[in-house]
Amino acid sequence: MDLILWRHAEAFELGQARDDLERALTPKGERQAQRMAGWLNRQLPSSTRVLASPARRAQQTAAALERKFKTSSALAPDAGVEALLHAVRWPDAREPVLVVGHQPALGLAAAYLMSGQAQAWTLRKAGVWWLRAREREGALQVVLQAVMTPELL
């Protein structure tokens, strides 16, 4: 299974919105989302399932892909690693899954999958971590396929 973790792009601060879920992308965030979406669309198989947080900034980031996506409350800003892994059906999903979500859950999930411990790892805004689950000699292994940020594109 491939799990692609995509942190939402840069958003306005909470003071500029009444509700955290309503925070929108800044103009810079819109450009970040477009750049990363272009790269992802060149890399992702057409069978990729896309899940996004209900937060406006994540919805806008996911929309930059111009693919169908499903909104999942399991990816909301206050959701945890267990909810995220359950929503993506880790490690048993047959298709790749792209998650558009938030810190700290994305960093905690990456750390947990790579090291076995939920540590405070940080994904940059609009950054992507691409993880792959594989079985070797009866044991599940997690391989880091790619890490990309909009600044590198």
C-alpha atoms as a PDB file:
ATOM      1  CA  MET A   1       0.000   0.000   0.000  1.00  0.00           C
ATOM      2  CA  ASP A   2       1.158   3.511  -0.780  1.00  0.00           C
ATOM      3  CA  LEU A   3       0.180   6.239   1.690  1.00  0.00           C
ATOM      4  CA  ILE A   4       0.835   9.803   0.595  1.00  0.00           C
ATOM      5  CA  LEU A   5       0.603  12.407   3.365  1.00  0.00           C
ATOM      6  CA  TRP A   6       0.039  15.950   2.058  1.00  0.00           C
ATOM      7  CA  ARG A   7      -0.097  18.799   4.530  1.00  0.00           C
ATOM      8  CA  HIS A   8      -2.411  21.620   3.526  1.00  0.00           C
ATOM      9  CA  ALA A   9      -0.749  24.668   1.995  1.00  0.00           C
ATOM     10  CA  GLU A  10      -0.198  27.970   3.804  1.00  0.00           C
ATOM     11  CA  ALA A  11      -3.399  29.390   5.303  1.00  0.00           C
ATOM     12  CA  PHE A  12      -4.404  32.655   6.910  1.00  0.00           C
ATOM     13  CA  GLU A  13      -3.908  32.853  10.668  1.00  0.00           C
ATOM     14  CA  LEU A  14      -6.810  32.105  12.988  1.00  0.00           C
ATOM     15  CA  GLY A  15      -7.268  35.808  13.821  1.00  0.00           C
ATOM     16  CA  GLN A  16      -8.351  36.419  10.212  1.00  0.00           C
ATOM     17  CA  ALA A  17     -11.130  33.801  10.387  1.00  0.00           C
ATOM     18  CA  ARG A  18     -13.888  33.252  12.918  1.00  0.00           C
ATOM     19  CA  ASP A  19     -13.469  29.494  13.027  1.00  0.00           C
ATOM     20  CA  ASP A  20     -10.360  27.356  12.553  1.00  0.00           C
ATOM     21  CA  LEU A  21     -12.209  25.141  10.055  1.00  0.00           C
ATOM     22  CA  GLU A  22     -12.952  28.211   7.901  1.00  0.00           C
ATOM     23  CA  ARG A  23      -9.339  29.357   7.488  1.00  0.00           C
ATOM     24  CA  ALA A  24      -8.604  29.740   3.767  1.00  0.00           C
ATOM     25  CA  LEU A  25      -5.363  29.462   1.834  1.00  0.00           C
ATOM     26  CA  THR A  26      -3.302  32.587   1.368  1.00  0.00           C
ATOM     27  CA  PRO A  27      -2.300  33.555  -2.190  1.00  0.00           C
ATOM     28  CA  LYS A  28       1.077  31.930  -1.457  1.00  0.00           C
ATOM     29  CA  GLY A  29      -0.749  28.818  -0.240  1.00  0.00           C
ATOM     30  CA  GLU A  30      -2.767  28.680  -3.457  1.00  0.00           C
ATOM     31  CA  ARG A  31       0.477  28.736  -5.461  1.00  0.00           C
ATOM     32  CA  GLN A  32       2.008  26.051  -3.210  1.00  0.00           C
ATOM     33  CA  ALA A  33      -1.031  23.824  -3.659  1.00  0.00           C
ATOM     34  CA  GLN A  34      -0.956  24.249  -7.448  1.00  0.00           C
ATOM     35  CA  ARG A  35       2.765  23.410  -7.686  1.00  0.00           C
ATOM     36  CA  MET A  36       2.465  20.333  -5.500  1.00  0.00           C
ATOM     37  CA  ALA A  37      -0.724  19.204  -7.256  1.00  0.00           C
ATOM     38  CA  GLY A  38       1.112  19.349 -10.579  1.00  0.00           C
ATOM     39  CA  TRP A  39       3.889  17.128  -9.235  1.00  0.00           C
ATOM     40  CA  LEU A  40       1.452  14.726  -7.583  1.00  0.00           C
ATOM     41  CA  ASN A  41      -0.651  14.393 -10.720  1.00  0.00           C
ATOM     42  CA  ARG A  42       2.459  13.318 -12.632  1.00  0.00           C
ATOM     43  CA  GLN A  43       3.300  10.698  -9.972  1.00  0.00           C
ATOM     44  CA  LEU A  44      -0.009   9.321  -8.681  1.00  0.00           C
ATOM     45  CA  PRO A  45      -1.726   6.347 -10.275  1.00  0.00           C
ATOM     46  CA  SER A  46      -5.231   7.066 -11.533  1.00  0.00           C
ATOM     47  CA  SER A  47      -6.582   4.581  -8.958  1.00  0.00           C
ATOM     48  CA  THR A  48      -5.410   6.743  -6.030  1.00  0.00           C
ATOM     49  CA  ARG A  49      -8.104   7.371  -3.423  1.00  0.00           C
ATOM     50  CA  VAL A  50      -7.973  10.970  -2.151  1.00  0.00           C
ATOM     51  CA  LEU A  51      -9.207  11.850   1.346  1.00  0.00           C
ATOM     52  CA  ALA A  52      -9.268  15.383   2.763  1.00  0.00           C
ATOM     53  CA  SER A  53      -9.931  17.037   6.071  1.00  0.00           C
ATOM     54  CA  PRO A  54     -13.176  19.028   6.300  1.00  0.00           C
ATOM     55  CA  ALA A  55     -11.162  22.195   7.020  1.00  0.00           C
ATOM     56  CA  ARG A  56     -11.433  24.780   4.223  1.00  0.00           C
ATOM     57  CA  ARG A  57      -7.647  25.023   3.787  1.00  0.00           C
ATOM     58  CA  ALA A  58      -7.377  21.247   3.250  1.00  0.00           C
ATOM     59  CA  GLN A  59     -10.368  21.251   0.891  1.00  0.00           C
ATOM     60  CA  GLN A  60      -8.742  24.013  -1.182  1.00  0.00           C
ATOM     61  CA  THR A  61      -5.430  22.141  -1.224  1.00  0.00           C
ATOM     62  CA  ALA A  62      -7.126  18.917  -2.353  1.00  0.00           C
ATOM     63  CA  ALA A  63      -9.135  20.784  -5.003  1.00  0.00           C
ATOM     64  CA  ALA A  64      -5.875  21.858  -6.663  1.00  0.00           C
ATOM     65  CA  LEU A  65      -5.459  18.222  -7.796  1.00  0.00           C
ATOM     66  CA  GLU A  66      -8.609  18.492  -9.907  1.00  0.00           C
ATOM     67  CA  ARG A  67      -9.530  14.924  -8.908  1.00  0.00           C
ATOM     68  CA  LYS A  68     -12.482  13.603  -6.994  1.00  0.00           C
ATOM     69  CA  PHE A  69     -11.886  13.435  -3.264  1.00  0.00           C
ATOM     70  CA  LYS A  70     -13.804  12.392  -0.190  1.00  0.00           C
ATOM     71  CA  THR A  71     -14.054  14.528   2.930  1.00  0.00           C
ATOM     72  CA  SER A  72     -13.318  12.613   6.128  1.00  0.00           C
ATOM     73  CA  SER A  73     -13.846  13.877   9.675  1.00  0.00           C
ATOM     74  CA  ALA A  74     -11.129  11.379  10.684  1.00  0.00           C
ATOM     75  CA  LEU A  75      -8.682  13.892   9.158  1.00  0.00           C
ATOM     76  CA  ALA A  76      -9.984  17.009  10.930  1.00  0.00           C
ATOM     77  CA  PRO A  77      -7.404  19.232  12.664  1.00  0.00           C
ATOM     78  CA  ASP A  78      -8.063  17.624  16.057  1.00  0.00           C
ATOM     79  CA  ALA A  79      -8.069  14.009  14.796  1.00  0.00           C
ATOM     80  CA  GLY A  80      -5.361  11.596  15.831  1.00  0.00           C
ATOM     81  CA  VAL A  81      -3.103   9.019  14.231  1.00  0.00           C
ATOM     82  CA  GLU A  82      -5.407   6.067  14.935  1.00  0.00           C
ATOM     83  CA  ALA A  83      -8.323   7.768  13.181  1.00  0.00           C
ATOM     84  CA  LEU A  84      -6.129   8.610  10.190  1.00  0.00           C
ATOM     85  CA  LEU A  85      -4.765   5.073   9.827  1.00  0.00           C
ATOM     86  CA  HIS A  86      -8.256   3.605  10.165  1.00  0.00           C
ATOM     87  CA  ALA A  87      -9.649   5.979   7.498  1.00  0.00           C
ATOM     88  CA  VAL A  88      -6.951   4.981   4.992  1.00  0.00           C
ATOM     89  CA  ARG A  89      -7.208   1.264   5.883  1.00  0.00           C
ATOM     90  CA  TRP A  90      -3.484   1.012   6.647  1.00  0.00           C
ATOM     91  CA  PRO A  91      -1.762  -1.239   5.626  1.00  0.00           C
ATOM     92  CA  ASP A  92      -4.454  -3.238   3.831  1.00  0.00           C
ATOM     93  CA  ALA A  93      -5.853  -0.838   1.219  1.00  0.00           C
ATOM     94  CA  ARG A  94      -5.406  -2.157  -2.291  1.00  0.00           C
ATOM     95  CA  GLU A  95      -5.134   1.276  -3.878  1.00  0.00           C
ATOM     96  CA  PRO A  96      -2.779   4.149  -3.045  1.00  0.00           C
ATOM     97  CA  VAL A  97      -4.300   6.679  -0.642  1.00  0.00           C
ATOM     98  CA  LEU A  98      -3.520  10.386  -0.596  1.00  0.00           C
ATOM     99  CA  VAL A  99      -4.425  12.192   2.627  1.00  0.00           C
ATOM    100  CA  VAL A 100      -4.724  15.988   2.745  1.00  0.00           C
ATOM    101  CA  GLY A 101      -4.519  16.902   6.392  1.00  0.00           C
ATOM    102  CA  HIS A 102      -2.854  18.716   9.244  1.00  0.00           C
ATOM    103  CA  GLN A 103      -0.061  18.837  11.735  1.00  0.00           C
ATOM    104  CA  PRO A 104       0.499  17.321  14.191  1.00  0.00           C
ATOM    105  CA  ALA A 105      -1.398  14.203  13.019  1.00  0.00           C
ATOM    106  CA  LEU A 106       0.504  13.844   9.735  1.00  0.00           C
ATOM    107  CA  GLY A 107       3.906  14.107  11.394  1.00  0.00           C
ATOM    108  CA  LEU A 108       2.874  11.764  14.189  1.00  0.00           C
ATOM    109  CA  ALA A 109       1.601   9.244  11.621  1.00  0.00           C
ATOM    110  CA  ALA A 110       4.809   9.431   9.565  1.00  0.00           C
ATOM    111  CA  ALA A 111       6.910   8.945  12.703  1.00  0.00           C
ATOM    112  CA  TYR A 112       4.776   6.056  13.925  1.00  0.00           C
ATOM    113  CA  LEU A 113       4.885   4.246  10.588  1.00  0.00           C
ATOM    114  CA  MET A 114       8.621   4.786  10.097  1.00  0.00           C
ATOM    115  CA  SER A 115       9.846   4.225  13.659  1.00  0.00           C
ATOM    116  CA  GLY A 116       7.047   2.510  15.580  1.00  0.00           C
ATOM    117  CA  GLN A 117       6.650   5.517  17.879  1.00  0.00           C
ATOM    118  CA  ALA A 118       4.379   8.547  17.511  1.00  0.00           C
ATOM    119  CA  GLN A 119       6.968  11.330  17.699  1.00  0.00           C
ATOM    120  CA  ALA A 120       6.583  15.030  16.937  1.00  0.00           C
ATOM    121  CA  TRP A 121       7.845  15.047  13.345  1.00  0.00           C
ATOM    122  CA  THR A 122       6.866  18.025  11.216  1.00  0.00           C
ATOM    123  CA  LEU A 123       5.719  18.086   7.614  1.00  0.00           C
ATOM    124  CA  ARG A 124       6.206  21.456   5.957  1.00  0.00           C
ATOM    125  CA  LYS A 125       3.154  23.312   4.703  1.00  0.00           C
ATOM    126  CA  ALA A 126       2.130  21.872   1.314  1.00  0.00           C
ATOM    127  CA  GLY A 127       4.792  19.184   1.775  1.00  0.00           C
ATOM    128  CA  VAL A 128       4.341  15.534   0.853  1.00  0.00           C
ATOM    129  CA  TRP A 129       5.677  12.353   2.456  1.00  0.00           C
ATOM    130  CA  TRP A 130       5.148   9.233   0.359  1.00  0.00           C
ATOM    131  CA  LEU A 131       5.289   5.976   2.331  1.00  0.00           C
ATOM    132  CA  ARG A 132       4.978   2.414   1.044  1.00  0.00           C
ATOM    133  CA  ALA A 133       4.040  -0.672   3.053  1.00  0.00           C
ATOM    134  CA  ARG A 134       5.512  -3.952   1.877  1.00  0.00           C
ATOM    135  CA  GLU A 135       5.903  -7.388   3.311  1.00  0.00           C
ATOM    136  CA  ARG A 136       9.339  -8.992   3.489  1.00  0.00           C
ATOM    137  CA  GLU A 137       9.924 -12.381   5.079  1.00  0.00           C
ATOM    138  CA  GLY A 138       6.568 -12.196   6.843  1.00  0.00           C
ATOM    139  CA  ALA A 139       7.176  -8.764   8.369  1.00  0.00           C
ATOM    140  CA  LEU A 140       5.617  -5.431   7.440  1.00  0.00           C
ATOM    141  CA  GLN A 141       8.169  -2.858   6.337  1.00  0.00           C
ATOM    142  CA  VAL A 142       7.578   0.818   5.660  1.00  0.00           C
ATOM    143  CA  VAL A 143       9.703   2.434   2.972  1.00  0.00           C
ATOM    144  CA  LEU A 144      10.018   6.183   2.487  1.00  0.00           C
ATOM    145  CA  GLN A 145       9.487   6.631  -1.257  1.00  0.00           C
ATOM    146  CA  ALA A 146       9.714  10.431  -1.471  1.00  0.00           C
ATOM    147  CA  VAL A 147       9.610  13.678   0.436  1.00  0.00           C
ATOM    148  CA  MET A 148       8.763  16.787  -1.556  1.00  0.00           C
ATOM    149  CA  THR A 149       8.090  20.423  -0.775  1.00  0.00           C
ATOM    150  CA  PRO A 150       6.829  23.149  -3.100  1.00  0.00           C
ATOM    151  CA  GLU A 151      10.168  24.967  -2.790  1.00  0.00           C
ATOM    152  CA  LEU A 152      11.883  22.028  -4.491  1.00  0.00           C
ATOM    153  CA  LEU A 153       9.600  22.106  -7.535  1.00  0.00           C
END
